[in-house]
Amino acid sequence: MPSSTRPMKACLAVAATTWRESAQDDVPIHTIENPVRRVADGDLPMPRHDLDDLAIEGLRLPALSVAIEDANAVSFDCRMGPHWRPHVLCAYFKFLNVLQAMAKNAKVDNAGDGNDGAGAMGEASSDREFGIHFEAFVRR
């Protein structure tokens, strides 16, 4: 496909971080002693990589991070806020749809934020609502 018709613009994966429970924060992986062993032993979750300058059809998405969860899953994480307007959410759905098209058996769902039960798309959103809206987007 010519580069002018590609829906996604190349982006840069920057410094890996991981969640350190004792710090209650994402910390750069290079600041942790023997991080590979600690991940392998289950002491730390898989590192996340921030995706910088990810654009879909010319629209730059807010900061996302990606992590390989296991042999069958990747996850994306984002910070919520006023920058997630409808047109930005539509671009995010396009991004997920492109990924799903590349991995035919992929399932797209919303795992929520893991803290307060609110969905990753905002407190009023639920996993079910995310799925309904994503499926409606794909079918349009």
C-alpha atoms as a PDB file:
ATOM      1  CA  MET A   1       0.000   0.000   0.000  1.00  0.00           C
ATOM      2  CA  PRO A   2       1.527   3.428  -0.881  1.00  0.00           C
ATOM      3  CA  SER A   3       2.540   5.430   2.169  1.00  0.00           C
ATOM      4  CA  SER A   4       0.055   8.193   1.319  1.00  0.00           C
ATOM      5  CA  THR A   5      -2.854   5.755   1.781  1.00  0.00           C
ATOM      6  CA  ARG A   6      -1.666   4.015   4.940  1.00  0.00           C
ATOM      7  CA  PRO A   7      -4.012   4.690   7.840  1.00  0.00           C
ATOM      8  CA  MET A   8      -1.239   4.633  10.470  1.00  0.00           C
ATOM      9  CA  LYS A   9       1.835   6.818  10.652  1.00  0.00           C
ATOM     10  CA  ALA A  10       5.021   5.299  12.020  1.00  0.00           C
ATOM     11  CA  CYS A  11       5.643   6.061  15.661  1.00  0.00           C
ATOM     12  CA  LEU A  12       8.493   5.651  18.099  1.00  0.00           C
ATOM     13  CA  ALA A  13       8.464   3.348  21.131  1.00  0.00           C
ATOM     14  CA  VAL A  14      10.299   5.145  23.913  1.00  0.00           C
ATOM     15  CA  ALA A  15      11.661   4.219  27.329  1.00  0.00           C
ATOM     16  CA  ALA A  16      10.213   1.055  28.838  1.00  0.00           C
ATOM     17  CA  THR A  17       8.567   1.322  32.244  1.00  0.00           C
ATOM     18  CA  THR A  18       6.983  -1.110  34.649  1.00  0.00           C
ATOM     19  CA  TRP A  19       4.583  -0.720  37.553  1.00  0.00           C
ATOM     20  CA  ARG A  20       6.374  -0.955  40.861  1.00  0.00           C
ATOM     21  CA  GLU A  21       3.895  -1.624  43.630  1.00  0.00           C
ATOM     22  CA  SER A  22       6.167  -0.241  46.360  1.00  0.00           C
ATOM     23  CA  ALA A  23       6.430   3.088  44.533  1.00  0.00           C
ATOM     24  CA  GLN A  24       2.785   3.049  43.309  1.00  0.00           C
ATOM     25  CA  ASP A  25       4.119   4.414  40.044  1.00  0.00           C
ATOM     26  CA  ASP A  26       5.518   3.541  36.645  1.00  0.00           C
ATOM     27  CA  VAL A  27       9.281   3.443  36.912  1.00  0.00           C
ATOM     28  CA  PRO A  28      11.867   3.246  34.128  1.00  0.00           C
ATOM     29  CA  ILE A  29      12.910  -0.370  33.676  1.00  0.00           C
ATOM     30  CA  HIS A  30      16.598   0.625  33.564  1.00  0.00           C
ATOM     31  CA  THR A  31      16.382   1.830  37.194  1.00  0.00           C
ATOM     32  CA  ILE A  32      15.452  -1.645  38.480  1.00  0.00           C
ATOM     33  CA  GLU A  33      18.144  -4.155  39.363  1.00  0.00           C
ATOM     34  CA  ASN A  34      17.904  -7.354  37.289  1.00  0.00           C
ATOM     35  CA  PRO A  35      14.504  -6.504  35.726  1.00  0.00           C
ATOM     36  CA  VAL A  36      14.378  -9.530  33.410  1.00  0.00           C
ATOM     37  CA  ARG A  37      14.753 -11.953  36.320  1.00  0.00           C
ATOM     38  CA  ARG A  38      12.169 -10.031  38.376  1.00  0.00           C
ATOM     39  CA  VAL A  39       9.630 -10.168  35.528  1.00  0.00           C
ATOM     40  CA  ALA A  40      10.363 -13.880  34.966  1.00  0.00           C
ATOM     41  CA  ASP A  41       9.917 -14.562  38.696  1.00  0.00           C
ATOM     42  CA  GLY A  42       6.598 -12.701  38.704  1.00  0.00           C
ATOM     43  CA  ASP A  43       7.864  -9.898  40.960  1.00  0.00           C
ATOM     44  CA  LEU A  44       7.185  -7.256  38.293  1.00  0.00           C
ATOM     45  CA  PRO A  45       4.643  -7.019  35.483  1.00  0.00           C
ATOM     46  CA  MET A  46       5.794  -6.955  31.862  1.00  0.00           C
ATOM     47  CA  PRO A  47       7.343  -3.630  30.858  1.00  0.00           C
ATOM     48  CA  ARG A  48       5.264  -1.124  28.925  1.00  0.00           C
ATOM     49  CA  HIS A  49       6.583   0.945  26.039  1.00  0.00           C
ATOM     50  CA  ASP A  50       5.223   4.419  25.422  1.00  0.00           C
ATOM     51  CA  LEU A  51       4.192   5.029  21.826  1.00  0.00           C
ATOM     52  CA  ASP A  52       5.158   8.533  20.830  1.00  0.00           C
ATOM     53  CA  ASP A  53       3.615  10.411  17.920  1.00  0.00           C
ATOM     54  CA  LEU A  54       1.130   7.724  16.856  1.00  0.00           C
ATOM     55  CA  ALA A  55      -1.175   9.172  14.210  1.00  0.00           C
ATOM     56  CA  ILE A  56      -4.148   7.610  12.452  1.00  0.00           C
ATOM     57  CA  GLU A  57      -5.146   9.229   9.156  1.00  0.00           C
ATOM     58  CA  GLY A  58      -3.314  12.380  10.207  1.00  0.00           C
ATOM     59  CA  LEU A  59      -4.873  12.604  13.672  1.00  0.00           C
ATOM     60  CA  ARG A  60      -2.383  12.220  16.505  1.00  0.00           C
ATOM     61  CA  LEU A  61      -3.586   9.988  19.327  1.00  0.00           C
ATOM     62  CA  PRO A  62      -2.998  10.886  22.969  1.00  0.00           C
ATOM     63  CA  ALA A  63      -0.152   9.041  24.667  1.00  0.00           C
ATOM     64  CA  LEU A  64      -0.564   5.253  24.648  1.00  0.00           C
ATOM     65  CA  SER A  65       1.634   2.536  26.039  1.00  0.00           C
ATOM     66  CA  VAL A  66       1.789  -1.068  24.863  1.00  0.00           C
ATOM     67  CA  ALA A  67       2.791  -4.255  26.683  1.00  0.00           C
ATOM     68  CA  ILE A  68       3.031  -7.880  25.658  1.00  0.00           C
ATOM     69  CA  GLU A  69       0.862  -9.624  28.224  1.00  0.00           C
ATOM     70  CA  ASP A  70       1.555 -13.196  27.110  1.00  0.00           C
ATOM     71  CA  ALA A  71       1.979 -15.199  23.900  1.00  0.00           C
ATOM     72  CA  ASN A  72      -1.593 -14.348  22.870  1.00  0.00           C
ATOM     73  CA  ALA A  73      -2.237 -10.813  24.074  1.00  0.00           C
ATOM     74  CA  VAL A  74      -1.036  -7.250  23.972  1.00  0.00           C
ATOM     75  CA  SER A  75      -2.551  -4.394  25.901  1.00  0.00           C
ATOM     76  CA  PHE A  76      -2.710  -0.655  25.404  1.00  0.00           C
ATOM     77  CA  ASP A  77      -3.001   1.826  28.217  1.00  0.00           C
ATOM     78  CA  CYS A  78      -3.854   5.506  28.087  1.00  0.00           C
ATOM     79  CA  ARG A  79      -4.492   8.416  30.385  1.00  0.00           C
ATOM     80  CA  MET A  80      -8.020   9.699  30.373  1.00  0.00           C
ATOM     81  CA  GLY A  81      -8.862  13.354  30.007  1.00  0.00           C
ATOM     82  CA  PRO A  82     -10.534  15.997  27.874  1.00  0.00           C
ATOM     83  CA  HIS A  83      -8.261  15.186  24.907  1.00  0.00           C
ATOM     84  CA  TRP A  84     -10.373  12.042  24.218  1.00  0.00           C
ATOM     85  CA  ARG A  85     -12.957  13.841  22.085  1.00  0.00           C
ATOM     86  CA  PRO A  86     -15.239  11.844  19.730  1.00  0.00           C
ATOM     87  CA  HIS A  87     -12.982  12.295  16.679  1.00  0.00           C
ATOM     88  CA  VAL A  88      -9.947  11.115  18.692  1.00  0.00           C
ATOM     89  CA  LEU A  89     -11.865   8.099  19.981  1.00  0.00           C
ATOM     90  CA  CYS A  90     -12.858   7.346  16.379  1.00  0.00           C
ATOM     91  CA  ALA A  91      -9.161   7.427  15.385  1.00  0.00           C
ATOM     92  CA  TYR A  92      -8.362   5.069  18.291  1.00  0.00           C
ATOM     93  CA  PHE A  93     -11.054   2.673  17.064  1.00  0.00           C
ATOM     94  CA  LYS A  94      -9.527   2.865  13.562  1.00  0.00           C
ATOM     95  CA  PHE A  95      -6.156   1.970  15.106  1.00  0.00           C
ATOM     96  CA  LEU A  96      -7.654  -1.049  16.896  1.00  0.00           C
ATOM     97  CA  ASN A  97      -9.520  -2.068  13.750  1.00  0.00           C
ATOM     98  CA  VAL A  98      -6.296  -2.004  11.680  1.00  0.00           C
ATOM     99  CA  LEU A  99      -4.571  -4.164  14.300  1.00  0.00           C
ATOM    100  CA  GLN A 100      -7.502  -6.574  14.326  1.00  0.00           C
ATOM    101  CA  ALA A 101      -7.382  -6.810  10.529  1.00  0.00           C
ATOM    102  CA  MET A 102      -3.687  -7.765  10.720  1.00  0.00           C
ATOM    103  CA  ALA A 103      -4.350 -10.419  13.398  1.00  0.00           C
ATOM    104  CA  LYS A 104      -7.502 -12.137  12.156  1.00  0.00           C
ATOM    105  CA  ASN A 105      -8.123 -14.031  15.410  1.00  0.00           C
ATOM    106  CA  ALA A 106      -7.618 -10.970  17.596  1.00  0.00           C
ATOM    107  CA  LYS A 107     -10.297  -9.997  20.059  1.00  0.00           C
ATOM    108  CA  VAL A 108     -10.614  -6.344  21.025  1.00  0.00           C
ATOM    109  CA  ASP A 109     -12.066  -5.524  24.404  1.00  0.00           C
ATOM    110  CA  ASN A 110     -11.743  -3.048  27.223  1.00  0.00           C
ATOM    111  CA  ALA A 111     -10.039  -4.320  30.338  1.00  0.00           C
ATOM    112  CA  GLY A 112     -10.729  -1.227  32.433  1.00  0.00           C
ATOM    113  CA  ASP A 113      -8.081   0.399  34.555  1.00  0.00           C
ATOM    114  CA  GLY A 114      -7.871  -2.277  37.218  1.00  0.00           C
ATOM    115  CA  ASN A 115      -8.199   0.169  40.106  1.00  0.00           C
ATOM    116  CA  ASP A 116     -11.688   1.475  40.651  1.00  0.00           C
ATOM    117  CA  GLY A 117     -13.753  -0.596  38.254  1.00  0.00           C
ATOM    118  CA  ALA A 118     -14.125   2.277  35.793  1.00  0.00           C
ATOM    119  CA  GLY A 119     -13.593   1.378  32.179  1.00  0.00           C
ATOM    120  CA  ALA A 120     -10.525   2.591  30.330  1.00  0.00           C
ATOM    121  CA  MET A 121     -12.764   4.846  28.254  1.00  0.00           C
ATOM    122  CA  GLY A 122     -13.961   6.825  31.307  1.00  0.00           C
ATOM    123  CA  GLU A 123     -15.933   6.312  34.479  1.00  0.00           C
ATOM    124  CA  ALA A 124     -19.333   6.267  32.766  1.00  0.00           C
ATOM    125  CA  SER A 125     -18.090   3.633  30.371  1.00  0.00           C
ATOM    126  CA  SER A 126     -18.109  -0.090  30.971  1.00  0.00           C
ATOM    127  CA  ASP A 127     -16.430  -3.017  29.258  1.00  0.00           C
ATOM    128  CA  ARG A 128     -19.760  -3.885  27.643  1.00  0.00           C
ATOM    129  CA  GLU A 129     -20.325  -0.346  26.364  1.00  0.00           C
ATOM    130  CA  PHE A 130     -16.811  -0.260  24.906  1.00  0.00           C
ATOM    131  CA  GLY A 131     -17.476  -3.503  23.040  1.00  0.00           C
ATOM    132  CA  ILE A 132     -20.826  -2.269  21.738  1.00  0.00           C
ATOM    133  CA  HIS A 133     -19.344   0.998  20.462  1.00  0.00           C
ATOM    134  CA  PHE A 134     -16.298  -0.680  18.934  1.00  0.00           C
ATOM    135  CA  GLU A 135     -18.439  -3.287  17.135  1.00  0.00           C
ATOM    136  CA  ALA A 136     -20.759  -0.555  15.862  1.00  0.00           C
ATOM    137  CA  PHE A 137     -17.730   1.345  14.570  1.00  0.00           C
ATOM    138  CA  VAL A 138     -16.383  -1.734  12.772  1.00  0.00           C
ATOM    139  CA  ARG A 139     -19.754  -2.515  11.160  1.00  0.00           C
ATOM    140  CA  ARG A 140     -20.402   1.003   9.843  1.00  0.00           C
END
